């Protein structure tokens, strides 16, 4: 179904083909969703995109606040009694856009091989809060999109062409298929990978007050993973952080000096040790002069504790 649209003042004006409502989205958006009936259109092709999903919001704002403040107090250099003394200042629900990608590659041979799976990927260039580039989004737990989620939330349109995401996500499987085909003497490869649909995924951004300062935390609204956290540093924690940074700096310098003496170049050894010490200690030394601690979710560091997506 064709969609009426035009560009004006850096925006794209769209008339919904189903309900007739007119609305605008920023130029550069790949997809647009009618805020009245939920119809999703692909802007470049001026047509309706049938498959649009939303992942279930499993955590309300009160649970999000509770989890964030409790986790903040658990940080080794955080103040004690934070749960009792903090209060919620603001809660914002963000819906980030995803592409659901279908990987479908097969090697056609008597003993061929198939690569079939569905994967999700973030469909925006710059998230509104710190988010690891390798954050794993699920493909299960989604429902048909409902326009009601747009009300009183921060709702974002995709701004990355889906073809780029498809190419990136299928590359590993396509390369493996090519190697397998060559081992079979040049078997034919069929690639039917493509985009399955657009989806939106919930995150809570919680602002909480401790004494006279506001801190921020971000939590996955579907599974409760805390992805970003600010918290007040205790005086003891800052001293311990400074001590750890100083120890690393002096230790590396001393080690470099010792190696330099053995190599008959003590000054060169000191310089090398000092440089490596600064590289290792700068984060701790910088943190020791701050009054705000920060935690960022790193999937690689979480290991088996990371949620199954």
C-alpha atoms as a PDB file:
ATOM      1  CA  UNK A   1       0.000   0.000   0.000  1.00  0.00           C
ATOM      2  CA  UNK A   2       1.450   3.377  -1.049  1.00  0.00           C
ATOM      3  CA  UNK A   3       1.994   6.035   1.600  1.00  0.00           C
ATOM      4  CA  UNK A   4       1.703   9.796   1.062  1.00  0.00           C
ATOM      5  CA  UNK A   5       4.677  11.733   2.447  1.00  0.00           C
ATOM      6  CA  UNK A   6       6.766  14.821   1.810  1.00  0.00           C
ATOM      7  CA  UNK A   7       9.836  16.513   3.266  1.00  0.00           C
ATOM      8  CA  UNK A   8       9.502  19.861   4.998  1.00  0.00           C
ATOM      9  CA  UNK A   9      11.870  21.793   7.280  1.00  0.00           C
ATOM     10  CA  UNK A  10      14.119  18.817   8.008  1.00  0.00           C
ATOM     11  CA  UNK A  11      11.189  16.542   8.779  1.00  0.00           C
ATOM     12  CA  UNK A  12       9.162  13.984   6.837  1.00  0.00           C
ATOM     13  CA  UNK A  13       5.405  14.582   6.892  1.00  0.00           C
ATOM     14  CA  UNK A  14       3.372  11.390   6.565  1.00  0.00           C
ATOM     15  CA  UNK A  15      -0.298  10.696   6.063  1.00  0.00           C
ATOM     16  CA  UNK A  16      -1.195   7.319   7.552  1.00  0.00           C
ATOM     17  CA  UNK A  17      -2.790   5.091   4.870  1.00  0.00           C
ATOM     18  CA  UNK A  18      -5.058   3.405   7.442  1.00  0.00           C
ATOM     19  CA  UNK A  19      -6.415   6.042   9.815  1.00  0.00           C
ATOM     20  CA  UNK A  20      -5.608   9.162   7.747  1.00  0.00           C
ATOM     21  CA  UNK A  21      -3.743  10.898  10.578  1.00  0.00           C
ATOM     22  CA  UNK A  22      -0.854  13.197   9.707  1.00  0.00           C
ATOM     23  CA  UNK A  23       2.371  13.123  11.693  1.00  0.00           C
ATOM     24  CA  UNK A  24       6.062  13.992  11.290  1.00  0.00           C
ATOM     25  CA  UNK A  25       9.346  12.164  11.901  1.00  0.00           C
ATOM     26  CA  UNK A  26      12.962  13.384  11.615  1.00  0.00           C
ATOM     27  CA  UNK A  27      14.528  13.182   8.173  1.00  0.00           C
ATOM     28  CA  UNK A  28      16.894  10.220   8.086  1.00  0.00           C
ATOM     29  CA  UNK A  29      14.487   7.872   9.850  1.00  0.00           C
ATOM     30  CA  UNK A  30      14.204   4.506   8.113  1.00  0.00           C
ATOM     31  CA  UNK A  31      10.794   3.564   9.526  1.00  0.00           C
ATOM     32  CA  UNK A  32       7.953   5.583  10.991  1.00  0.00           C
ATOM     33  CA  UNK A  33       5.072   4.535  13.235  1.00  0.00           C
ATOM     34  CA  UNK A  34       1.683   6.245  13.286  1.00  0.00           C
ATOM     35  CA  UNK A  35       1.113   7.431  16.882  1.00  0.00           C
ATOM     36  CA  UNK A  36      -2.658   6.966  16.469  1.00  0.00           C
ATOM     37  CA  UNK A  37      -3.116   3.484  15.016  1.00  0.00           C
ATOM     38  CA  UNK A  38       0.377   1.939  15.138  1.00  0.00           C
ATOM     39  CA  UNK A  39       0.796   1.416  11.384  1.00  0.00           C
ATOM     40  CA  UNK A  40       4.514   1.217  10.521  1.00  0.00           C
ATOM     41  CA  UNK A  41       5.814   2.382   7.152  1.00  0.00           C
ATOM     42  CA  UNK A  42       9.170   2.083   5.428  1.00  0.00           C
ATOM     43  CA  UNK A  43      10.005   5.628   4.373  1.00  0.00           C
ATOM     44  CA  UNK A  44      12.426   4.938   1.514  1.00  0.00           C
ATOM     45  CA  UNK A  45       9.903   2.706  -0.257  1.00  0.00           C
ATOM     46  CA  UNK A  46       6.793   4.626   0.859  1.00  0.00           C
ATOM     47  CA  UNK A  47       5.002   1.416   1.791  1.00  0.00           C
ATOM     48  CA  UNK A  48       3.499  -0.232   4.838  1.00  0.00           C
ATOM     49  CA  UNK A  49       5.765  -2.508   6.861  1.00  0.00           C
ATOM     50  CA  UNK A  50       3.485  -5.250   8.148  1.00  0.00           C
ATOM     51  CA  UNK A  51       5.581  -6.804  10.918  1.00  0.00           C
ATOM     52  CA  UNK A  52       6.083  -4.574  13.929  1.00  0.00           C
ATOM     53  CA  UNK A  53       6.574  -5.945  17.439  1.00  0.00           C
ATOM     54  CA  UNK A  54       7.068  -4.701  20.976  1.00  0.00           C
ATOM     55  CA  UNK A  55       8.874  -6.590  23.733  1.00  0.00           C
ATOM     56  CA  UNK A  56       6.918  -7.067  26.931  1.00  0.00           C
ATOM     57  CA  UNK A  57       7.575  -4.650  29.762  1.00  0.00           C
ATOM     58  CA  UNK A  58       8.070  -6.941  32.767  1.00  0.00           C
ATOM     59  CA  UNK A  59       9.294  -4.389  35.324  1.00  0.00           C
ATOM     60  CA  UNK A  60       7.360  -1.337  36.535  1.00  0.00           C
ATOM     61  CA  UNK A  61       9.046   1.909  37.566  1.00  0.00           C
ATOM     62  CA  UNK A  62       8.908   1.127  41.298  1.00  0.00           C
ATOM     63  CA  UNK A  63      10.665  -2.194  40.826  1.00  0.00           C
ATOM     64  CA  UNK A  64      13.182  -0.498  38.512  1.00  0.00           C
ATOM     65  CA  UNK A  65      13.953   2.152  41.134  1.00  0.00           C
ATOM     66  CA  UNK A  66      14.269  -0.440  43.925  1.00  0.00           C
ATOM     67  CA  UNK A  67      16.641  -2.651  41.917  1.00  0.00           C
ATOM     68  CA  UNK A  68      18.821   0.286  40.865  1.00  0.00           C
ATOM     69  CA  UNK A  69      19.226   1.773  44.349  1.00  0.00           C
ATOM     70  CA  UNK A  70      19.892  -1.621  45.935  1.00  0.00           C
ATOM     71  CA  UNK A  71      22.513  -2.412  43.287  1.00  0.00           C
ATOM     72  CA  UNK A  72      24.073   1.029  43.772  1.00  0.00           C
ATOM     73  CA  UNK A  73      24.528   0.378  47.487  1.00  0.00           C
ATOM     74  CA  UNK A  74      26.201  -2.965  46.698  1.00  0.00           C
ATOM     75  CA  UNK A  75      29.063  -1.253  44.841  1.00  0.00           C
ATOM     76  CA  UNK A  76      32.212  -1.634  46.919  1.00  0.00           C
ATOM     77  CA  UNK A  77      32.943   2.116  47.131  1.00  0.00           C
ATOM     78  CA  UNK A  78      29.350   3.339  47.515  1.00  0.00           C
ATOM     79  CA  UNK A  79      27.934   5.084  50.602  1.00  0.00           C
ATOM     80  CA  UNK A  80      26.168   2.924  53.164  1.00  0.00           C
ATOM     81  CA  UNK A  81      22.467   3.412  53.921  1.00  0.00           C
ATOM     82  CA  UNK A  82      21.685   4.544  50.377  1.00  0.00           C
ATOM     83  CA  UNK A  83      18.474   2.515  50.149  1.00  0.00           C
ATOM     84  CA  UNK A  84      17.001   4.209  53.230  1.00  0.00           C
ATOM     85  CA  UNK A  85      18.150   7.733  52.393  1.00  0.00           C
ATOM     86  CA  UNK A  86      17.584   7.928  48.616  1.00  0.00           C
ATOM     87  CA  UNK A  87      14.304   8.866  46.907  1.00  0.00           C
ATOM     88  CA  UNK A  88      13.029   8.583  43.340  1.00  0.00           C
ATOM     89  CA  UNK A  89      13.184  11.845  41.395  1.00  0.00           C
ATOM     90  CA  UNK A  90      12.040  10.804  37.902  1.00  0.00           C
ATOM     91  CA  UNK A  91      11.326   7.683  35.848  1.00  0.00           C
ATOM     92  CA  UNK A  92      11.448   7.710  32.030  1.00  0.00           C
ATOM     93  CA  UNK A  93      10.473   4.721  29.888  1.00  0.00           C
ATOM     94  CA  UNK A  94      12.442   4.488  26.635  1.00  0.00           C
ATOM     95  CA  UNK A  95      11.519   2.257  23.700  1.00  0.00           C
ATOM     96  CA  UNK A  96      14.556   1.636  21.508  1.00  0.00           C
ATOM     97  CA  UNK A  97      14.136   0.329  17.931  1.00  0.00           C
ATOM     98  CA  UNK A  98      15.408  -3.101  16.914  1.00  0.00           C
ATOM     99  CA  UNK A  99      15.519  -5.090  13.704  1.00  0.00           C
ATOM    100  CA  UNK A 100      14.577  -8.757  13.891  1.00  0.00           C
ATOM    101  CA  UNK A 101      16.870 -10.445  11.375  1.00  0.00           C
ATOM    102  CA  UNK A 102      16.336 -13.846   9.791  1.00  0.00           C
ATOM    103  CA  UNK A 103      19.573 -15.744   9.051  1.00  0.00           C
ATOM    104  CA  UNK A 104      18.814 -18.362   6.392  1.00  0.00           C
ATOM    105  CA  UNK A 105      21.830 -19.719   4.523  1.00  0.00           C
ATOM    106  CA  UNK A 106      22.253 -23.217   3.122  1.00  0.00           C
ATOM    107  CA  UNK A 107      24.905 -25.146   1.239  1.00  0.00           C
ATOM    108  CA  UNK A 108      23.206 -27.234  -1.452  1.00  0.00           C
ATOM    109  CA  UNK A 109      24.871 -30.641  -1.584  1.00  0.00           C
ATOM    110  CA  UNK A 110      24.125 -34.237  -0.697  1.00  0.00           C
ATOM    111  CA  UNK A 111      25.756 -33.624   2.668  1.00  0.00           C
ATOM    112  CA  UNK A 112      24.853 -29.955   2.775  1.00  0.00           C
ATOM    113  CA  UNK A 113      24.442 -27.669   5.725  1.00  0.00           C
ATOM    114  CA  UNK A 114      21.907 -25.052   6.861  1.00  0.00           C
ATOM    115  CA  UNK A 115      22.338 -21.963   9.017  1.00  0.00           C
ATOM    116  CA  UNK A 116      18.978 -20.852  10.386  1.00  0.00           C
ATOM    117  CA  UNK A 117      18.316 -18.543  13.294  1.00  0.00           C
ATOM    118  CA  UNK A 118      16.691 -15.262  14.278  1.00  0.00           C
ATOM    119  CA  UNK A 119      18.680 -12.448  15.869  1.00  0.00           C
ATOM    120  CA  UNK A 120      17.890  -8.951  17.108  1.00  0.00           C
ATOM    121  CA  UNK A 121      20.022  -5.843  16.705  1.00  0.00           C
ATOM    122  CA  UNK A 122      19.758  -2.210  17.753  1.00  0.00           C
ATOM    123  CA  UNK A 123      18.485  -0.087  14.852  1.00  0.00           C
ATOM    124  CA  UNK A 124      19.676   3.358  15.994  1.00  0.00           C
ATOM    125  CA  UNK A 125      23.101   4.963  15.755  1.00  0.00           C
ATOM    126  CA  UNK A 126      23.199   6.726  19.109  1.00  0.00           C
ATOM    127  CA  UNK A 127      21.206   5.370  22.092  1.00  0.00           C
ATOM    128  CA  UNK A 128      20.017   8.002  24.607  1.00  0.00           C
ATOM    129  CA  UNK A 129      22.071   6.395  27.399  1.00  0.00           C
ATOM    130  CA  UNK A 130      25.272   4.303  27.681  1.00  0.00           C
ATOM    131  CA  UNK A 131      24.642   0.871  26.187  1.00  0.00           C
ATOM    132  CA  UNK A 132      27.323  -1.747  25.347  1.00  0.00           C
ATOM    133  CA  UNK A 133      27.724  -2.170  21.571  1.00  0.00           C
ATOM    134  CA  UNK A 134      27.488  -5.954  22.015  1.00  0.00           C
ATOM    135  CA  UNK A 135      24.415  -5.870  24.244  1.00  0.00           C
ATOM    136  CA  UNK A 136      22.423  -9.003  23.486  1.00  0.00           C
ATOM    137  CA  UNK A 137      18.774  -8.449  22.648  1.00  0.00           C
ATOM    138  CA  UNK A 138      16.362 -11.408  22.652  1.00  0.00           C
ATOM    139  CA  UNK A 139      14.040 -12.540  19.881  1.00  0.00           C
ATOM    140  CA  UNK A 140      11.484 -14.170  22.193  1.00  0.00           C
ATOM    141  CA  UNK A 141       9.047 -12.356  24.458  1.00  0.00           C
ATOM    142  CA  UNK A 142       7.593  -9.977  21.900  1.00  0.00           C
ATOM    143  CA  UNK A 143       3.984  -9.104  21.058  1.00  0.00           C
ATOM    144  CA  UNK A 144       2.314  -7.304  18.178  1.00  0.00           C
ATOM    145  CA  UNK A 145       3.007  -3.572  18.401  1.00  0.00           C
ATOM    146  CA  UNK A 146       0.380  -1.412  20.090  1.00  0.00           C
ATOM    147  CA  UNK A 147       0.361   2.374  19.572  1.00  0.00           C
ATOM    148  CA  UNK A 148      -0.601   2.906  23.215  1.00  0.00           C
ATOM    149  CA  UNK A 149       3.048   2.383  24.230  1.00  0.00           C
ATOM    150  CA  UNK A 150       3.972   5.672  22.575  1.00  0.00           C
ATOM    151  CA  UNK A 151       2.022   7.714  25.114  1.00  0.00           C
ATOM    152  CA  UNK A 152       4.093   9.065  28.000  1.00  0.00           C
ATOM    153  CA  UNK A 153       7.265   7.325  26.788  1.00  0.00           C
ATOM    154  CA  UNK A 154      10.379   8.187  24.805  1.00  0.00           C
ATOM    155  CA  UNK A 155       9.864   6.382  21.514  1.00  0.00           C
ATOM    156  CA  UNK A 156      12.621   6.252  18.891  1.00  0.00           C
ATOM    157  CA  UNK A 157      12.532   5.551  15.156  1.00  0.00           C
ATOM    158  CA  UNK A 158      15.144   3.349  13.416  1.00  0.00           C
ATOM    159  CA  UNK A 159      17.833   5.402  11.660  1.00  0.00           C
ATOM    160  CA  UNK A 160      20.111   2.634  10.322  1.00  0.00           C
ATOM    161  CA  UNK A 161      19.317   0.965   6.957  1.00  0.00           C
ATOM    162  CA  UNK A 162      18.305  -2.655   7.649  1.00  0.00           C
ATOM    163  CA  UNK A 163      20.541  -3.902   4.820  1.00  0.00           C
ATOM    164  CA  UNK A 164      23.622  -2.851   6.818  1.00  0.00           C
ATOM    165  CA  UNK A 165      22.461  -4.779   9.876  1.00  0.00           C
ATOM    166  CA  UNK A 166      21.602  -7.871   7.825  1.00  0.00           C
ATOM    167  CA  UNK A 167      25.031  -7.845   6.139  1.00  0.00           C
ATOM    168  CA  UNK A 168      26.845  -7.535   9.454  1.00  0.00           C
ATOM    169  CA  UNK A 169      24.916 -10.237  11.287  1.00  0.00           C
ATOM    170  CA  UNK A 170      25.007 -12.837   8.530  1.00  0.00           C
ATOM    171  CA  UNK A 171      28.705 -12.334   7.670  1.00  0.00           C
ATOM    172  CA  UNK A 172      30.015 -14.943  10.120  1.00  0.00           C
ATOM    173  CA  UNK A 173      27.565 -17.616   8.922  1.00  0.00           C
ATOM    174  CA  UNK A 174      28.100 -16.776   5.258  1.00  0.00           C
ATOM    175  CA  UNK A 175      31.876 -17.092   5.629  1.00  0.00           C
ATOM    176  CA  UNK A 176      31.517 -20.468   7.331  1.00  0.00           C
ATOM    177  CA  UNK A 177      29.141 -21.627   4.583  1.00  0.00           C
ATOM    178  CA  UNK A 178      31.667 -20.582   1.915  1.00  0.00           C
ATOM    179  CA  UNK A 179      34.450 -22.531   3.599  1.00  0.00           C
ATOM    180  CA  UNK A 180      32.213 -25.598   3.874  1.00  0.00           C
ATOM    181  CA  UNK A 181      31.154 -25.290   0.215  1.00  0.00           C
ATOM    182  CA  UNK A 182      34.782 -25.077  -0.909  1.00  0.00           C
ATOM    183  CA  UNK A 183      35.603 -28.201   1.111  1.00  0.00           C
ATOM    184  CA  UNK A 184      32.869 -30.001  -0.839  1.00  0.00           C
ATOM    185  CA  UNK A 185      34.405 -28.932  -4.142  1.00  0.00           C
ATOM    186  CA  UNK A 186      32.431 -25.749  -4.775  1.00  0.00           C
ATOM    187  CA  UNK A 187      28.835 -26.513  -3.762  1.00  0.00           C
ATOM    188  CA  UNK A 188      26.165 -23.874  -4.404  1.00  0.00           C
ATOM    189  CA  UNK A 189      25.261 -21.447  -1.586  1.00  0.00           C
ATOM    190  CA  UNK A 190      21.728 -20.066  -1.207  1.00  0.00           C
ATOM    191  CA  UNK A 191      21.348 -16.974   0.966  1.00  0.00           C
ATOM    192  CA  UNK A 192      17.762 -16.061   1.865  1.00  0.00           C
ATOM    193  CA  UNK A 193      18.622 -13.947   4.901  1.00  0.00           C
ATOM    194  CA  UNK A 194      16.665 -10.763   5.433  1.00  0.00           C
ATOM    195  CA  UNK A 195      14.735  -8.604   7.859  1.00  0.00           C
ATOM    196  CA  UNK A 196      11.806 -10.226   9.627  1.00  0.00           C
ATOM    197  CA  UNK A 197      10.400  -7.054  11.147  1.00  0.00           C
ATOM    198  CA  UNK A 198      10.823  -3.981  13.341  1.00  0.00           C
ATOM    199  CA  UNK A 199      10.531  -4.169  17.133  1.00  0.00           C
ATOM    200  CA  UNK A 200      10.764  -1.821  20.091  1.00  0.00           C
ATOM    201  CA  UNK A 201      12.460  -2.703  23.363  1.00  0.00           C
ATOM    202  CA  UNK A 202      11.893  -1.106  26.818  1.00  0.00           C
ATOM    203  CA  UNK A 203      14.453   0.464  29.142  1.00  0.00           C
ATOM    204  CA  UNK A 204      13.760   2.431  32.311  1.00  0.00           C
ATOM    205  CA  UNK A 205      15.896   5.485  33.024  1.00  0.00           C
ATOM    206  CA  UNK A 206      15.630   6.213  36.738  1.00  0.00           C
ATOM    207  CA  UNK A 207      16.777   9.454  38.374  1.00  0.00           C
ATOM    208  CA  UNK A 208      17.124   9.276  42.158  1.00  0.00           C
ATOM    209  CA  UNK A 209      18.093  11.832  44.778  1.00  0.00           C
ATOM    210  CA  UNK A 210      20.656  11.348  47.509  1.00  0.00           C
ATOM    211  CA  UNK A 211      21.202  14.396  49.728  1.00  0.00           C
ATOM    212  CA  UNK A 212      21.438  17.375  47.324  1.00  0.00           C
ATOM    213  CA  UNK A 213      22.480  15.515  44.144  1.00  0.00           C
ATOM    214  CA  UNK A 214      20.653  13.591  41.401  1.00  0.00           C
ATOM    215  CA  UNK A 215      22.017  10.235  40.172  1.00  0.00           C
ATOM    216  CA  UNK A 216      20.930   8.175  37.179  1.00  0.00           C
ATOM    217  CA  UNK A 217      20.486   4.493  36.456  1.00  0.00           C
ATOM    218  CA  UNK A 218      19.269   2.536  33.406  1.00  0.00           C
ATOM    219  CA  UNK A 219      17.677  -0.914  33.632  1.00  0.00           C
ATOM    220  CA  UNK A 220      16.394  -3.322  30.989  1.00  0.00           C
ATOM    221  CA  UNK A 221      12.603  -3.235  31.278  1.00  0.00           C
ATOM    222  CA  UNK A 222      12.184  -6.785  29.971  1.00  0.00           C
ATOM    223  CA  UNK A 223      14.679  -8.787  32.031  1.00  0.00           C
ATOM    224  CA  UNK A 224      16.004  -6.434  34.730  1.00  0.00           C
ATOM    225  CA  UNK A 225      19.633  -6.137  33.618  1.00  0.00           C
ATOM    226  CA  UNK A 226      21.167  -2.932  34.988  1.00  0.00           C
ATOM    227  CA  UNK A 227      23.137  -1.440  32.100  1.00  0.00           C
ATOM    228  CA  UNK A 228      24.272   1.891  33.560  1.00  0.00           C
ATOM    229  CA  UNK A 229      24.476   3.264  37.082  1.00  0.00           C
ATOM    230  CA  UNK A 230      25.625   6.387  38.894  1.00  0.00           C
ATOM    231  CA  UNK A 231      26.007   6.328  42.666  1.00  0.00           C
ATOM    232  CA  UNK A 232      27.502   8.468  45.470  1.00  0.00           C
ATOM    233  CA  UNK A 233      31.041   7.531  46.471  1.00  0.00           C
ATOM    234  CA  UNK A 234      31.890   7.155  50.139  1.00  0.00           C
ATOM    235  CA  UNK A 235      34.935   8.907  51.583  1.00  0.00           C
ATOM    236  CA  UNK A 236      36.420   5.532  52.469  1.00  0.00           C
ATOM    237  CA  UNK A 237      35.840   4.288  48.945  1.00  0.00           C
ATOM    238  CA  UNK A 238      37.573   7.316  47.438  1.00  0.00           C
ATOM    239  CA  UNK A 239      40.592   6.838  49.717  1.00  0.00           C
ATOM    240  CA  UNK A 240      40.786   3.142  48.817  1.00  0.00           C
ATOM    241  CA  UNK A 241      40.523   3.995  45.117  1.00  0.00           C
ATOM    242  CA  UNK A 242      43.310   6.576  45.429  1.00  0.00           C
ATOM    243  CA  UNK A 243      45.442   4.069  47.324  1.00  0.00           C
ATOM    244  CA  UNK A 244      44.913   1.381  44.695  1.00  0.00           C
ATOM    245  CA  UNK A 245      45.773   3.765  41.865  1.00  0.00           C
ATOM    246  CA  UNK A 246      48.909   4.989  43.654  1.00  0.00           C
ATOM    247  CA  UNK A 247      50.003   1.415  44.368  1.00  0.00           C
ATOM    248  CA  UNK A 248      49.689   0.482  40.685  1.00  0.00           C
ATOM    249  CA  UNK A 249      51.600   3.587  39.614  1.00  0.00           C
ATOM    250  CA  UNK A 250      54.462   3.091  42.089  1.00  0.00           C
ATOM    251  CA  UNK A 251      54.565  -0.665  41.503  1.00  0.00           C
ATOM    252  CA  UNK A 252      54.893  -0.321  37.732  1.00  0.00           C
ATOM    253  CA  UNK A 253      57.523   2.392  38.111  1.00  0.00           C
ATOM    254  CA  UNK A 254      59.535   0.269  40.532  1.00  0.00           C
ATOM    255  CA  UNK A 255      59.263  -2.798  38.302  1.00  0.00           C
ATOM    256  CA  UNK A 256      60.401  -0.760  35.299  1.00  0.00           C
ATOM    257  CA  UNK A 257      63.362   0.596  37.252  1.00  0.00           C
ATOM    258  CA  UNK A 258      64.395  -2.917  38.280  1.00  0.00           C
ATOM    259  CA  UNK A 259      64.227  -4.182  34.716  1.00  0.00           C
ATOM    260  CA  UNK A 260      66.148  -1.089  33.574  1.00  0.00           C
ATOM    261  CA  UNK A 261      68.962  -1.774  36.058  1.00  0.00           C
ATOM    262  CA  UNK A 262      69.260  -5.342  34.808  1.00  0.00           C
ATOM    263  CA  UNK A 263      69.380  -4.049  31.243  1.00  0.00           C
ATOM    264  CA  UNK A 264      71.894  -1.289  32.160  1.00  0.00           C
ATOM    265  CA  UNK A 265      69.319   1.418  31.271  1.00  0.00           C
ATOM    266  CA  UNK A 266      67.766   2.449  34.608  1.00  0.00           C
ATOM    267  CA  UNK A 267      66.313   5.762  33.406  1.00  0.00           C
ATOM    268  CA  UNK A 268      64.730   4.125  30.392  1.00  0.00           C
ATOM    269  CA  UNK A 269      63.264   1.457  32.672  1.00  0.00           C
ATOM    270  CA  UNK A 270      61.810   4.067  35.028  1.00  0.00           C
ATOM    271  CA  UNK A 271      60.252   5.942  32.108  1.00  0.00           C
ATOM    272  CA  UNK A 272      58.729   2.767  30.660  1.00  0.00           C
ATOM    273  CA  UNK A 273      57.401   1.709  34.078  1.00  0.00           C
ATOM    274  CA  UNK A 274      55.943   5.161  34.703  1.00  0.00           C
ATOM    275  CA  UNK A 275      54.142   5.181  31.355  1.00  0.00           C
ATOM    276  CA  UNK A 276      52.649   1.725  31.918  1.00  0.00           C
ATOM    277  CA  UNK A 277      51.733   2.672  35.493  1.00  0.00           C
ATOM    278  CA  UNK A 278      49.917   5.790  34.377  1.00  0.00           C
ATOM    279  CA  UNK A 279      48.003   3.768  31.781  1.00  0.00           C
ATOM    280  CA  UNK A 280      46.923   1.272  34.435  1.00  0.00           C
ATOM    281  CA  UNK A 281      46.187   3.738  37.243  1.00  0.00           C
ATOM    282  CA  UNK A 282      44.648   6.726  35.461  1.00  0.00           C
ATOM    283  CA  UNK A 283      41.078   5.406  35.750  1.00  0.00           C
ATOM    284  CA  UNK A 284      41.425   4.773  39.485  1.00  0.00           C
ATOM    285  CA  UNK A 285      43.181   8.058  40.165  1.00  0.00           C
ATOM    286  CA  UNK A 286      40.555   9.996  38.230  1.00  0.00           C
ATOM    287  CA  UNK A 287      37.736   8.217  40.079  1.00  0.00           C
ATOM    288  CA  UNK A 288      39.289   8.994  43.462  1.00  0.00           C
ATOM    289  CA  UNK A 289      38.825  12.738  42.871  1.00  0.00           C
ATOM    290  CA  UNK A 290      35.189  12.339  41.855  1.00  0.00           C
ATOM    291  CA  UNK A 291      32.165  12.126  44.142  1.00  0.00           C
ATOM    292  CA  UNK A 292      30.159  10.038  41.644  1.00  0.00           C
ATOM    293  CA  UNK A 293      30.848   6.394  40.970  1.00  0.00           C
ATOM    294  CA  UNK A 294      29.803   4.793  37.683  1.00  0.00           C
ATOM    295  CA  UNK A 295      29.004   1.238  36.696  1.00  0.00           C
ATOM    296  CA  UNK A 296      28.603   0.076  33.094  1.00  0.00           C
ATOM    297  CA  UNK A 297      27.338  -3.340  32.157  1.00  0.00           C
ATOM    298  CA  UNK A 298      29.945  -5.331  30.228  1.00  0.00           C
ATOM    299  CA  UNK A 299      28.594  -8.635  28.846  1.00  0.00           C
ATOM    300  CA  UNK A 300      32.126 -10.063  28.517  1.00  0.00           C
ATOM    301  CA  UNK A 301      32.853  -9.476  32.215  1.00  0.00           C
ATOM    302  CA  UNK A 302      29.545 -10.852  33.475  1.00  0.00           C
ATOM    303  CA  UNK A 303      30.219 -14.349  32.118  1.00  0.00           C
ATOM    304  CA  UNK A 304      27.757 -16.969  33.299  1.00  0.00           C
ATOM    305  CA  UNK A 305      25.927 -14.388  35.433  1.00  0.00           C
ATOM    306  CA  UNK A 306      24.641 -12.592  32.326  1.00  0.00           C
ATOM    307  CA  UNK A 307      20.956 -13.284  31.566  1.00  0.00           C
ATOM    308  CA  UNK A 308      20.137 -15.740  28.790  1.00  0.00           C
ATOM    309  CA  UNK A 309      18.843 -13.785  25.818  1.00  0.00           C
END
